[in-house]
Amino acid sequence: MARADRREQSERKLRKIERLQEKLSRIRQEVQRMQGIATQLKETPEGQISLTDPDARSMATYGKGTGLVGYNVQTAVDTVTHLIVAHDVTNIVHDRAQLAPMAKMAKAALQAESLNAIAD
């Protein structure tokens, strides 16, 4: 019985060692992946990387220290037809400088000589 107990203990020990080695291997792979991301992050001018969408950027929200990864979409709509005549997708967080460029795009799309633009 003592011999059987020793064999069971050594088998359990071997299984535990194998599980730990597998876990260690997964951790090492994850560390390598994170090091690759850290290297990539150093090379980006914005200091941001989105793992789900490479073009998306963190955009500040109203809460302190919060953000949302996404885009800022601008549209210009014709007031007569209610159709979108121009659009733009940016990573600029705020809309302060977006009215004039969108108005110019709408004016060109409508081939209008003048245009009244309002922002919401």
Protein backbone atom coordinates (compact mmCIF):
# COMPACT_ATOMS: atom_id res chain seq x y z
CA MET A 1 0.00 0.00 0.00
CA ALA A 2 2.82 2.36 0.82
CA ARG A 3 4.30 1.76 -2.63
CA ALA A 4 0.90 2.42 -4.28
CA ASP A 5 0.50 5.61 -2.23
CA ARG A 6 3.94 6.82 -3.27
CA ARG A 7 3.13 6.08 -6.92
CA GLU A 8 -0.18 8.01 -6.67
CA GLN A 9 1.57 10.93 -4.99
CA SER A 10 4.27 11.03 -7.65
CA GLU A 11 1.63 10.82 -10.42
CA ARG A 12 -0.31 13.68 -8.82
CA LYS A 13 2.89 15.65 -8.52
CA LEU A 14 3.69 15.02 -12.20
CA ARG A 15 0.18 16.15 -13.27
CA LYS A 16 0.52 19.27 -11.13
CA ILE A 17 3.94 20.02 -12.63
CA GLU A 18 2.52 19.59 -16.15
CA ARG A 19 -0.39 21.96 -15.39
CA LEU A 20 1.99 24.53 -13.94
CA GLN A 21 4.29 24.24 -16.95
CA GLU A 22 1.32 24.80 -19.28
CA LYS A 23 0.25 27.85 -17.27
CA LEU A 24 3.79 29.20 -17.30
CA SER A 25 3.98 28.72 -21.05
CA ARG A 26 0.72 30.65 -21.55
CA ILE A 27 1.95 33.43 -19.28
CA ARG A 28 5.22 33.68 -21.21
CA GLN A 29 3.29 33.91 -24.49
CA GLU A 30 1.10 36.65 -23.05
CA VAL A 31 4.17 38.56 -21.81
CA GLN A 32 5.66 38.37 -25.32
CA ARG A 33 2.39 39.60 -26.82
CA MET A 34 2.27 42.50 -24.35
CA GLN A 35 5.91 43.40 -25.06
CA GLY A 36 5.05 43.52 -28.76
CA ILE A 37 2.13 45.83 -28.05
CA ALA A 38 4.35 48.03 -25.84
CA THR A 39 6.88 48.32 -28.68
CA GLN A 40 4.10 49.16 -31.12
CA LEU A 41 2.68 51.72 -28.68
CA LYS A 42 6.03 53.53 -28.45
CA GLU A 43 6.04 53.88 -32.24
CA THR A 44 2.57 55.45 -32.50
CA PRO A 45 2.48 59.26 -32.55
CA GLU A 46 -0.84 59.43 -30.66
CA GLY A 47 0.29 57.05 -27.93
CA GLN A 48 -2.81 54.91 -28.45
CA ILE A 49 -3.57 51.51 -29.92
CA SER A 50 -6.99 49.99 -30.41
CA LEU A 51 -6.80 46.21 -30.50
CA THR A 52 -10.28 45.87 -32.00
CA ASP A 53 -10.14 48.62 -34.63
CA PRO A 54 -6.74 50.04 -35.60
CA ASP A 55 -8.22 53.37 -36.75
CA ALA A 56 -10.34 54.05 -33.64
CA ARG A 57 -9.04 56.33 -30.90
CA SER A 58 -9.99 56.98 -27.31
CA MET A 59 -12.31 59.93 -27.16
CA ALA A 60 -12.89 61.70 -23.86
CA THR A 61 -16.36 61.68 -22.35
CA TYR A 62 -17.88 63.87 -19.67
CA GLY A 63 -16.83 61.68 -16.75
CA LYS A 64 -13.40 62.23 -15.24
CA GLY A 65 -10.89 59.67 -16.47
CA THR A 66 -13.39 58.02 -18.79
CA GLY A 67 -13.29 57.56 -22.52
CA LEU A 68 -14.87 55.73 -25.38
CA VAL A 69 -12.93 54.15 -28.21
CA GLY A 70 -14.50 55.19 -31.50
CA TYR A 71 -14.84 57.89 -34.13
CA ASN A 72 -16.33 61.34 -34.46
CA VAL A 73 -18.74 61.34 -37.41
CA GLN A 74 -19.85 64.59 -39.00
CA THR A 75 -22.70 64.89 -41.49
CA ALA A 76 -24.20 67.70 -43.53
CA VAL A 77 -27.88 67.40 -44.40
CA ASP A 78 -29.82 69.27 -47.07
CA THR A 79 -32.74 71.00 -45.33
CA VAL A 80 -35.01 70.62 -48.36
CA THR A 81 -34.54 66.92 -49.16
CA HIS A 82 -33.31 65.84 -45.70
CA LEU A 83 -30.61 63.80 -47.43
CA ILE A 84 -27.02 63.61 -46.27
CA VAL A 85 -24.93 65.55 -48.77
CA ALA A 86 -21.53 65.25 -47.07
CA HIS A 87 -19.94 63.28 -44.28
CA ASP A 88 -16.57 62.89 -42.58
CA VAL A 89 -15.17 60.52 -40.00
CA THR A 90 -12.42 61.85 -37.75
CA ASN A 91 -10.54 61.01 -34.60
CA ILE A 92 -10.75 64.59 -33.39
CA VAL A 93 -12.52 64.40 -30.06
CA HIS A 94 -14.38 67.72 -30.12
CA ASP A 95 -16.60 69.31 -32.79
CA ARG A 96 -15.35 72.88 -32.40
CA ALA A 97 -13.43 72.99 -35.67
CA GLN A 98 -15.76 70.81 -37.72
CA LEU A 99 -18.46 73.25 -38.90
CA ALA A 100 -16.45 75.15 -41.52
CA PRO A 101 -14.93 72.07 -43.21
CA MET A 102 -18.32 70.34 -43.30
CA ALA A 103 -20.00 73.46 -44.69
CA LYS A 104 -17.38 73.63 -47.46
CA MET A 105 -17.91 69.95 -48.27
CA ALA A 106 -21.69 70.44 -48.40
CA LYS A 107 -21.35 73.54 -50.56
CA ALA A 108 -19.16 71.64 -53.02
CA ALA A 109 -21.49 68.61 -53.03
CA LEU A 110 -24.54 70.79 -53.68
CA GLN A 111 -22.63 72.94 -56.18
CA ALA A 112 -24.11 75.96 -54.43
CA GLU A 113 -22.82 79.53 -54.67
CA SER A 114 -23.75 80.26 -51.07
CA LEU A 115 -24.74 78.18 -48.11
CA ASN A 116 -26.17 78.79 -44.65
CA ALA A 117 -24.75 76.31 -42.15
CA ILE A 118 -25.86 75.63 -38.61
CA ALA A 119 -24.51 73.15 -36.11
CA ASP A 120 -26.25 70.97 -33.59
